Structure formats: structure tokens, C-alpha cells
Amino acid sequence: MFAAGVIRTSKADGYRGEDNHRCSVLLAQGLSDVISQVSPDLIVAESQAGSKSSKAAQLQGMGWGVLSAVAYLHDLEIIQARPQQIKKFLTGQRTASKDDIKAAVCAFFPALENLITDEISPKSKHEHAYDSVAVFLTLEDEIAMKFEKEGKKKLPKCPDCHKILMKCRCEERQLEK
């Protein structure tokens, strides 16, 4: 992981429908800019889950519409993981809390806590950055197999345990000895 960030929009005065359009355009522009800078091979995302409010469901739907359209325009596949799948993979429990996910993600990437700061995301939104890394960790093996099958670049593997390098703890174990 080289960076963490959030594309944010601010509320505008006026009719909500116009603001929804404005925010969708800003999100599409921000995603397109990131894709142009990073040139990803695909997009990984947490699949939609039930929402506690109709407004949250509406915003989630708008976000997915924008993500799907931008992925299509950039010819990128979206691979998804369900929230319970992520929790089970990282913690062994489908009912893991946001703090449990953060702890599991930071076990893989201890420096991540220093990357996710209030400057890139309000403290109340830090969970979204941890969730995005959690999705990648959950889907990492599937992505590696997909790349190998399609003859794309391979994710580096540990020479000792042959796990994908991000999941390998051989170096840490050797340092502890």
C-alpha cells in the first residue's frame, strides 16, 4: 500500500437532486483521476449491504452507480467481497466489530495507522480506509489466481512459505528469533 485517501464532497445549498448530481460528478472525476494516476488492473470493493436508513441506501446506490460507470469507462473489472466474508476471513467471526477489523488490518500493515490521519479523512470515517484494505486482503488470493490465469503480472510470493508476500510472516518470525 502506497497511500490512503478519501474522495470527499461538501453539501451545497439548494435542491437535493441537483446536489446529488454535483456530488456524483465530483466522485466520478475523483475516481477517474486516481485511476489515471495509479493505472490499476482491477477494482476491489466491499459489496453493498443492507442500510439502516433510506438516505444511506440512496447514497450507497449512487456511489455504486458512479463506481460501476467509471469502471466500465476505464475497462476495469470490479471484484467484490461481502461484509461477512471480510469479517470471517480477517477475524474468524462474521460478527466482528469495526475495531476488530482495524486490529486485523493493522496486524498485516502496522504502519497503516500512521497513514490514515485526520488530514485525509475525518476520524469518524477512518473505518472506511481500514475496510478498503480489508477487502483487498480478503480477495488477495483470488486476485493472484486471476492474474496468473490471465497471464498478467504475478503478486510476489515468499520463497519459504509460498504465500503471497503480504500474507507472509516468515520475515517477522526470523526477526523474532
Protein backbone atom coordinates (compact mmCIF):
# COMPACT_ATOMS: atom_id res chain seq x y z
CA MET A 1 0.00 0.00 0.00
CA PHE A 2 1.46 3.31 -1.02
CA ALA A 3 -1.21 5.75 0.12
CA ALA A 4 -4.64 6.09 1.63
CA GLY A 5 -7.17 8.72 0.78
CA VAL A 6 -10.79 9.67 0.58
CA ILE A 7 -12.69 11.48 -2.15
CA ARG A 8 -14.93 13.91 -0.29
CA THR A 9 -17.62 16.28 -1.42
CA SER A 10 -19.32 19.00 0.55
CA LYS A 11 -23.01 19.81 0.74
CA ALA A 12 -24.27 22.63 -1.39
CA ASP A 13 -27.27 24.83 -0.78
CA GLY A 14 -30.33 24.20 -2.87
CA TYR A 15 -32.33 21.30 -4.21
CA ARG A 16 -31.02 17.88 -3.09
CA GLY A 17 -31.38 16.33 -6.57
CA GLU A 18 -29.04 18.92 -8.05
CA ASP A 19 -26.58 18.35 -5.22
CA ASN A 20 -26.72 14.58 -5.75
CA HIS A 21 -25.78 15.12 -9.38
CA ARG A 22 -22.97 17.52 -8.48
CA CYS A 23 -21.56 15.09 -5.90
CA SER A 24 -21.80 12.17 -8.34
CA VAL A 25 -19.87 14.15 -10.95
CA LEU A 26 -17.19 15.07 -8.37
CA LEU A 27 -16.91 11.44 -7.30
CA ALA A 28 -16.61 10.27 -10.92
CA GLN A 29 -13.92 12.89 -11.61
CA GLY A 30 -12.02 11.93 -8.45
CA LEU A 31 -12.15 8.21 -9.24
CA SER A 32 -11.07 8.84 -12.84
CA ASP A 33 -8.15 10.96 -11.63
CA VAL A 34 -7.00 8.23 -9.23
CA ILE A 35 -7.33 5.57 -11.94
CA SER A 36 -5.30 7.72 -14.35
CA GLN A 37 -2.56 8.23 -11.74
CA VAL A 38 -2.34 4.64 -10.46
CA SER A 39 -3.36 2.58 -13.53
CA PRO A 40 -4.90 -0.31 -11.59
CA ASP A 41 -5.57 -3.71 -13.17
CA LEU A 42 -8.94 -4.00 -11.44
CA ILE A 43 -11.05 -2.57 -8.65
CA VAL A 44 -11.80 -4.39 -5.38
CA ALA A 45 -14.78 -3.25 -3.36
CA GLU A 46 -16.96 -4.26 -0.46
CA SER A 47 -20.32 -5.35 -1.84
CA GLN A 48 -23.44 -3.48 -0.91
CA ALA A 49 -25.05 -4.45 2.35
CA GLY A 50 -28.34 -3.51 3.92
CA SER A 51 -28.61 0.07 5.07
CA LYS A 52 -30.06 1.39 8.31
CA SER A 53 -31.79 4.31 6.59
CA SER A 54 -33.29 5.11 3.21
CA LYS A 55 -30.85 8.02 2.76
CA ALA A 56 -27.88 5.69 3.34
CA ALA A 57 -29.34 3.21 0.82
CA GLN A 58 -29.82 6.04 -1.69
CA LEU A 59 -26.26 7.30 -1.30
CA GLN A 60 -24.86 3.76 -1.47
CA GLY A 61 -26.77 3.18 -4.70
CA MET A 62 -25.50 6.44 -6.18
CA GLY A 63 -21.94 5.57 -5.20
CA TRP A 64 -22.18 2.13 -6.78
CA GLY A 65 -23.67 3.63 -9.92
CA VAL A 66 -20.75 6.03 -10.22
CA LEU A 67 -18.18 3.30 -9.44
CA SER A 68 -19.72 0.92 -11.98
CA ALA A 69 -19.84 3.59 -14.70
CA VAL A 70 -16.25 4.74 -14.07
CA ALA A 71 -15.01 1.12 -14.02
CA TYR A 72 -16.80 0.50 -17.33
CA LEU A 73 -15.36 3.64 -18.94
CA HIS A 74 -11.84 2.64 -17.85
CA ASP A 75 -12.38 -1.02 -18.82
CA LEU A 76 -11.78 -2.25 -15.26
CA GLU A 77 -13.39 -5.25 -13.62
CA ILE A 78 -14.82 -4.89 -10.12
CA ILE A 79 -14.30 -7.83 -7.74
CA GLN A 80 -16.40 -7.73 -4.58
CA ALA A 81 -16.31 -9.26 -1.11
CA ARG A 82 -19.33 -9.43 1.18
CA PRO A 83 -19.02 -7.73 4.60
CA GLN A 84 -19.46 -11.06 6.46
CA GLN A 85 -16.87 -12.71 4.19
CA ILE A 86 -14.35 -9.98 5.09
CA LYS A 87 -15.05 -10.24 8.81
CA LYS A 88 -14.81 -14.05 8.77
CA PHE A 89 -11.57 -14.02 6.77
CA LEU A 90 -9.79 -11.46 8.95
CA THR A 91 -11.08 -12.34 12.41
CA GLY A 92 -12.72 -15.75 12.15
CA GLN A 93 -16.07 -14.23 13.17
CA ARG A 94 -18.85 -12.96 10.91
CA THR A 95 -19.91 -10.50 13.62
CA ALA A 96 -16.56 -8.73 14.05
CA SER A 97 -16.66 -5.05 15.03
CA LYS A 98 -15.01 -2.16 13.20
CA ASP A 99 -12.30 -2.18 15.90
CA ASP A 100 -11.71 -5.90 15.27
CA ILE A 101 -11.28 -5.21 11.54
CA LYS A 102 -8.90 -2.32 12.23
CA ALA A 103 -6.79 -4.51 14.54
CA ALA A 104 -6.64 -7.33 11.98
CA VAL A 105 -5.70 -4.96 9.15
CA CYS A 106 -3.01 -3.29 11.27
CA ALA A 107 -1.58 -6.74 12.09
CA PHE A 108 -0.82 -7.07 8.34
CA PHE A 109 0.23 -3.43 7.91
CA PRO A 110 1.47 -1.96 11.22
CA ALA A 111 2.41 1.34 9.54
CA LEU A 112 -1.14 1.83 8.29
CA GLU A 113 -2.23 3.66 11.44
CA ASN A 114 0.30 6.36 10.57
CA LEU A 115 -1.03 6.66 7.00
CA ILE A 116 -4.68 7.08 7.95
CA THR A 117 -4.76 10.50 9.53
CA ASP A 118 -7.35 13.17 10.16
CA GLU A 119 -5.81 15.11 7.26
CA ILE A 120 -7.00 12.56 4.69
CA SER A 121 -10.19 11.52 6.40
CA PRO A 122 -12.16 12.70 9.43
CA LYS A 123 -11.58 10.42 12.42
CA SER A 124 -15.19 9.24 12.24
CA LYS A 125 -14.52 7.99 8.69
CA HIS A 126 -11.21 6.16 9.32
CA GLU A 127 -13.10 2.86 9.34
CA HIS A 128 -13.67 3.23 5.58
CA ALA A 129 -9.93 3.28 4.88
CA TYR A 130 -9.40 0.18 7.03
CA ASP A 131 -12.36 -1.51 5.32
CA SER A 132 -10.84 -0.90 1.89
CA VAL A 133 -7.60 -2.60 2.90
CA ALA A 134 -9.62 -5.41 4.50
CA VAL A 135 -11.38 -6.04 1.17
CA PHE A 136 -8.05 -6.36 -0.63
CA LEU A 137 -6.64 -8.73 1.97
CA THR A 138 -9.77 -10.89 1.74
CA LEU A 139 -9.60 -11.07 -2.06
CA GLU A 140 -5.81 -11.19 -2.46
CA ASP A 141 -5.60 -14.92 -3.25
CA GLU A 142 -8.49 -14.67 -5.73
CA ILE A 143 -6.78 -11.71 -7.42
CA ALA A 144 -3.46 -13.56 -7.61
CA MET A 145 -5.08 -16.64 -9.17
CA LYS A 146 -6.98 -14.44 -11.64
CA PHE A 147 -3.79 -12.63 -12.69
CA GLU A 148 -1.87 -15.89 -13.13
CA LYS A 149 -4.71 -17.44 -15.13
CA GLU A 150 -4.88 -14.40 -17.41
CA GLY A 151 -1.10 -14.19 -17.75
CA LYS A 152 -0.97 -10.79 -16.05
CA LYS A 153 1.64 -9.75 -13.55
CA LYS A 154 2.03 -12.03 -10.58
CA LEU A 155 1.87 -10.92 -6.98
CA PRO A 156 5.21 -11.65 -5.26
CA LYS A 157 5.33 -14.82 -3.16
CA CYS A 158 7.51 -15.73 -0.19
CA PRO A 159 10.29 -18.17 -1.12
CA ASP A 160 9.88 -20.00 2.21
CA CYS A 161 6.13 -20.46 2.70
CA HIS A 162 4.98 -19.61 -0.88
CA LYS A 163 2.21 -17.37 0.41
CA ILE A 164 1.55 -14.08 -1.27
CA LEU A 165 4.14 -11.77 0.26
CA MET A 166 1.62 -9.53 2.03
CA LYS A 167 0.27 -12.53 3.94
CA CYS A 168 3.68 -13.98 4.76
CA ARG A 169 5.04 -13.60 8.26
CA CYS A 170 8.31 -15.51 7.70
CA GLU A 171 10.50 -12.39 7.93
CA GLU A 172 8.86 -11.31 11.17
CA ARG A 173 9.33 -14.79 12.62
CA GLN A 174 13.00 -14.77 11.62
CA LEU A 175 13.50 -11.34 13.19
CA GLU A 176 11.92 -12.53 16.44
CA LYS A 177 14.37 -15.46 16.74
